[in-house]
N, C-alpha and C. Protein backbone atom coordinates (compact mmCIF):
# COMPACT_ATOMS: atom_id res chain seq x y z
N MET A 1 0.84 -1.20 0.00
CA MET A 1 0.00 0.00 0.00
C MET A 1 0.88 1.25 0.00
N LYS A 2 0.54 2.21 -0.86
CA LYS A 2 1.31 3.45 -0.96
C LYS A 2 1.14 4.29 0.31
N LYS A 3 2.25 4.81 0.82
CA LYS A 3 2.16 5.64 2.03
C LYS A 3 1.54 6.98 1.68
N ASN A 4 0.70 7.47 2.58
CA ASN A 4 0.02 8.73 2.33
C ASN A 4 0.66 9.83 3.16
N PRO A 5 1.38 10.77 2.51
CA PRO A 5 2.09 11.81 3.26
C PRO A 5 1.15 12.71 4.07
N ILE A 6 -0.07 12.91 3.57
CA ILE A 6 -0.99 13.82 4.27
C ILE A 6 -1.35 13.27 5.64
N LEU A 7 -1.49 11.94 5.74
CA LEU A 7 -1.92 11.35 7.00
C LEU A 7 -0.74 10.85 7.84
N MET A 8 0.48 11.16 7.38
CA MET A 8 1.64 10.61 8.06
C MET A 8 2.09 11.51 9.21
N PHE A 9 1.47 11.35 10.35
CA PHE A 9 1.81 12.16 11.51
C PHE A 9 2.76 11.38 12.40
N ARG A 10 3.52 12.08 13.18
CA ARG A 10 4.49 11.42 14.05
C ARG A 10 3.82 10.97 15.33
N PHE A 11 4.07 9.70 15.70
CA PHE A 11 3.44 9.14 16.88
C PHE A 11 3.84 9.87 18.15
N HIS A 12 5.14 10.15 18.31
CA HIS A 12 5.60 10.71 19.59
C HIS A 12 5.01 12.10 19.84
N LEU A 13 4.70 12.82 18.78
CA LEU A 13 4.13 14.16 18.95
C LEU A 13 2.70 14.11 19.49
N LEU A 14 2.01 13.01 19.19
CA LEU A 14 0.63 12.91 19.65
C LEU A 14 0.56 12.79 21.16
N LYS A 15 1.65 12.31 21.76
CA LYS A 15 1.67 12.16 23.21
C LYS A 15 1.93 13.49 23.90
N GLU A 16 2.66 14.36 23.21
CA GLU A 16 2.96 15.69 23.77
C GLU A 16 1.79 16.62 23.48
N GLU A 17 1.91 17.82 23.92
CA GLU A 17 0.86 18.81 23.63
C GLU A 17 1.01 19.21 22.17
N THR A 18 -0.03 18.99 21.40
CA THR A 18 0.05 19.31 19.98
C THR A 18 -1.01 20.35 19.62
N PRO A 19 -0.79 21.08 18.54
CA PRO A 19 -1.79 22.07 18.15
C PRO A 19 -3.13 21.38 17.88
N GLN A 20 -4.18 21.95 18.37
CA GLN A 20 -5.49 21.35 18.15
C GLN A 20 -6.17 22.12 17.03
N LEU A 21 -6.74 21.38 16.13
CA LEU A 21 -7.33 22.00 14.94
C LEU A 21 -8.80 21.64 14.89
N ASN A 22 -9.65 22.64 14.89
CA ASN A 22 -11.08 22.37 14.74
C ASN A 22 -11.41 22.46 13.26
N LEU A 23 -11.70 21.32 12.67
CA LEU A 23 -11.95 21.28 11.24
C LEU A 23 -13.38 21.63 10.88
N ASN A 24 -14.24 21.82 11.92
CA ASN A 24 -15.67 22.05 11.67
C ASN A 24 -16.25 20.95 10.79
N ILE A 25 -15.85 19.74 11.05
CA ILE A 25 -16.32 18.61 10.25
C ILE A 25 -17.27 17.79 11.10
N VAL A 26 -18.42 17.48 10.55
CA VAL A 26 -19.43 16.78 11.31
C VAL A 26 -19.23 15.27 11.18
N SER A 27 -18.71 14.82 10.07
CA SER A 27 -18.63 13.37 9.86
C SER A 27 -17.31 12.95 9.25
N LEU A 28 -17.08 11.66 9.37
CA LEU A 28 -15.90 11.05 8.76
C LEU A 28 -15.95 11.22 7.24
N LYS A 29 -17.18 11.21 6.70
CA LYS A 29 -17.38 11.37 5.27
C LYS A 29 -16.80 12.71 4.79
N GLU A 30 -17.06 13.77 5.55
CA GLU A 30 -16.54 15.08 5.17
C GLU A 30 -15.03 15.15 5.29
N LEU A 31 -14.49 14.48 6.34
CA LEU A 31 -13.04 14.44 6.50
C LEU A 31 -12.41 13.70 5.33
N SER A 32 -13.04 12.63 4.88
CA SER A 32 -12.51 11.87 3.75
C SER A 32 -12.54 12.69 2.47
N LYS A 33 -13.59 13.52 2.32
CA LYS A 33 -13.66 14.40 1.14
C LYS A 33 -12.54 15.44 1.19
N LEU A 34 -12.31 16.02 2.38
CA LEU A 34 -11.28 17.04 2.54
C LEU A 34 -9.90 16.49 2.19
N LEU A 35 -9.62 15.27 2.66
CA LEU A 35 -8.30 14.70 2.43
C LEU A 35 -8.21 13.93 1.11
N GLY A 36 -9.35 13.69 0.49
CA GLY A 36 -9.36 12.93 -0.75
C GLY A 36 -8.99 11.47 -0.55
N LYS A 37 -9.29 10.95 0.63
CA LYS A 37 -8.98 9.56 0.96
C LYS A 37 -10.25 8.84 1.36
N SER A 38 -10.23 7.52 1.29
CA SER A 38 -11.43 6.75 1.66
C SER A 38 -11.65 6.79 3.16
N GLU A 39 -12.91 6.61 3.56
CA GLU A 39 -13.24 6.60 4.98
C GLU A 39 -12.50 5.48 5.70
N ALA A 40 -12.36 4.34 5.01
CA ALA A 40 -11.68 3.18 5.61
C ALA A 40 -10.22 3.51 5.92
N SER A 41 -9.55 4.22 5.01
CA SER A 41 -8.13 4.53 5.25
C SER A 41 -7.99 5.54 6.39
N ILE A 42 -8.94 6.47 6.51
CA ILE A 42 -8.90 7.43 7.61
C ILE A 42 -9.16 6.72 8.93
N ARG A 43 -10.14 5.78 8.91
CA ARG A 43 -10.41 4.99 10.11
C ARG A 43 -9.16 4.23 10.55
N TYR A 44 -8.42 3.71 9.55
CA TYR A 44 -7.19 2.98 9.84
C TYR A 44 -6.17 3.90 10.52
N HIS A 45 -5.99 5.10 9.98
CA HIS A 45 -5.02 6.04 10.55
C HIS A 45 -5.44 6.49 11.95
N ILE A 46 -6.75 6.61 12.17
CA ILE A 46 -7.24 6.96 13.50
C ILE A 46 -6.92 5.82 14.46
N ARG A 47 -7.14 4.58 14.01
CA ARG A 47 -6.87 3.41 14.84
C ARG A 47 -5.38 3.29 15.16
N MET A 48 -4.54 3.64 14.20
CA MET A 48 -3.09 3.57 14.40
C MET A 48 -2.58 4.71 15.28
N GLY A 49 -3.44 5.68 15.55
CA GLY A 49 -3.06 6.78 16.42
C GLY A 49 -2.40 7.94 15.71
N ARG A 50 -2.43 7.95 14.39
CA ARG A 50 -1.80 9.07 13.68
C ARG A 50 -2.70 10.30 13.70
N ILE A 51 -4.01 10.07 13.71
CA ILE A 51 -4.95 11.16 13.89
C ILE A 51 -5.77 10.80 15.11
N THR A 52 -5.86 11.71 16.07
CA THR A 52 -6.68 11.41 17.24
C THR A 52 -7.86 12.35 17.28
N PRO A 53 -9.00 11.88 16.83
CA PRO A 53 -10.18 12.74 16.80
C PRO A 53 -10.92 12.69 18.13
N THR A 54 -11.50 13.78 18.50
CA THR A 54 -12.38 13.81 19.65
C THR A 54 -13.70 14.36 19.15
N LEU A 55 -14.75 13.58 19.26
CA LEU A 55 -16.04 14.08 18.81
C LEU A 55 -16.57 15.03 19.87
N LEU A 56 -16.73 16.27 19.50
CA LEU A 56 -17.12 17.30 20.43
C LEU A 56 -18.24 18.11 19.78
N TYR A 57 -19.45 17.96 20.28
CA TYR A 57 -20.61 18.63 19.70
C TYR A 57 -20.70 18.37 18.20
N GLY A 58 -20.42 17.14 17.80
CA GLY A 58 -20.55 16.77 16.39
C GLY A 58 -19.43 17.26 15.51
N ARG A 59 -18.36 17.78 16.11
CA ARG A 59 -17.23 18.23 15.29
C ARG A 59 -16.02 17.35 15.56
N VAL A 60 -15.18 17.23 14.59
CA VAL A 60 -13.98 16.42 14.77
C VAL A 60 -12.83 17.35 15.14
N MET A 61 -12.22 17.11 16.29
CA MET A 61 -11.02 17.84 16.65
C MET A 61 -9.86 16.92 16.32
N ALA A 62 -9.03 17.32 15.40
CA ALA A 62 -7.93 16.45 14.99
C ALA A 62 -6.61 17.04 15.46
N PHE A 63 -5.75 16.20 16.00
CA PHE A 63 -4.42 16.64 16.36
C PHE A 63 -3.57 16.57 15.10
N ASP A 64 -2.93 17.66 14.78
CA ASP A 64 -2.22 17.78 13.50
C ASP A 64 -0.83 18.36 13.75
N PRO A 65 0.09 17.53 14.24
CA PRO A 65 1.41 18.04 14.62
C PRO A 65 2.19 18.71 13.49
N ASP A 66 2.00 18.25 12.25
CA ASP A 66 2.79 18.81 11.16
C ASP A 66 2.09 19.95 10.44
N GLY A 67 0.88 20.28 10.85
CA GLY A 67 0.17 21.40 10.24
C GLY A 67 -0.31 21.15 8.84
N VAL A 68 -0.34 19.89 8.40
CA VAL A 68 -0.72 19.60 7.02
C VAL A 68 -2.22 19.82 6.81
N LEU A 69 -3.03 19.37 7.77
CA LEU A 69 -4.48 19.57 7.64
C LEU A 69 -4.82 21.06 7.65
N ARG A 70 -4.10 21.82 8.46
CA ARG A 70 -4.36 23.25 8.54
C ARG A 70 -4.10 23.89 7.18
N GLN A 71 -3.05 23.44 6.50
CA GLN A 71 -2.76 23.99 5.17
C GLN A 71 -3.84 23.60 4.17
N LEU A 72 -4.32 22.35 4.28
CA LEU A 72 -5.38 21.92 3.38
C LEU A 72 -6.63 22.76 3.61
N GLN A 73 -6.89 23.06 4.88
CA GLN A 73 -8.08 23.82 5.22
C GLN A 73 -8.00 25.24 4.65
N ARG A 74 -6.79 25.79 4.61
CA ARG A 74 -6.60 27.15 4.08
C ARG A 74 -6.74 27.20 2.58
N GLY A 75 -6.83 26.03 1.94
CA GLY A 75 -7.06 26.01 0.50
C GLY A 75 -5.79 25.91 -0.32
N ILE A 76 -4.67 25.58 0.32
CA ILE A 76 -3.45 25.33 -0.44
C ILE A 76 -3.67 24.03 -1.21
N PRO A 77 -3.33 23.98 -2.49
CA PRO A 77 -3.61 22.79 -3.28
C PRO A 77 -3.07 21.53 -2.60
N SER A 78 -3.88 20.48 -2.64
CA SER A 78 -3.53 19.27 -1.90
C SER A 78 -2.63 18.35 -2.73
N LYS A 79 -1.60 18.93 -3.32
CA LYS A 79 -0.60 18.11 -4.00
C LYS A 79 0.33 17.57 -2.93
N THR A 80 1.25 16.72 -3.32
CA THR A 80 2.16 16.15 -2.33
C THR A 80 2.92 17.27 -1.63
N PRO A 81 2.88 17.28 -0.28
CA PRO A 81 3.59 18.34 0.45
C PRO A 81 5.10 18.28 0.19
N GLN A 82 5.78 19.39 0.49
CA GLN A 82 7.22 19.42 0.33
C GLN A 82 7.87 18.39 1.24
N ASN A 83 9.09 17.98 0.92
CA ASN A 83 9.77 16.96 1.71
C ASN A 83 9.86 17.32 3.18
N SER A 84 10.01 18.60 3.49
CA SER A 84 10.14 19.01 4.89
C SER A 84 8.86 18.73 5.67
N GLN A 85 7.72 18.66 4.95
CA GLN A 85 6.45 18.43 5.63
C GLN A 85 6.13 16.95 5.78
N ILE A 86 6.82 16.12 4.99
CA ILE A 86 6.54 14.69 5.06
C ILE A 86 7.38 14.09 6.18
N ARG A 87 6.71 13.48 7.13
CA ARG A 87 7.42 12.85 8.23
C ARG A 87 7.26 11.35 8.09
N GLN A 88 8.30 10.69 7.63
CA GLN A 88 8.23 9.24 7.47
C GLN A 88 8.21 8.57 8.83
N ILE A 89 7.38 7.57 8.97
CA ILE A 89 7.38 6.78 10.21
C ILE A 89 8.20 5.54 9.93
N ARG A 90 9.28 5.41 10.65
CA ARG A 90 10.19 4.30 10.39
C ARG A 90 9.94 3.17 11.35
């Protein structure tokens, strides 16, 4: 399976205090549309702990240590991020 740079967050950062991003997303379906990925793959990344959502009043709060989702939200084209933004999990 091809690695997805957008969803490739660092595990150790999730344990520390990370920037919290309110995506104003009501469902997993909308999150999958935003990232252009299937709901199943997002569920997988949530299960692996790369994205930690908290359902809060019907919104998804996602921890986004690398700021990639924030850039997508701002409308920067969702092409492959620069190498500095891709954090490989080894």
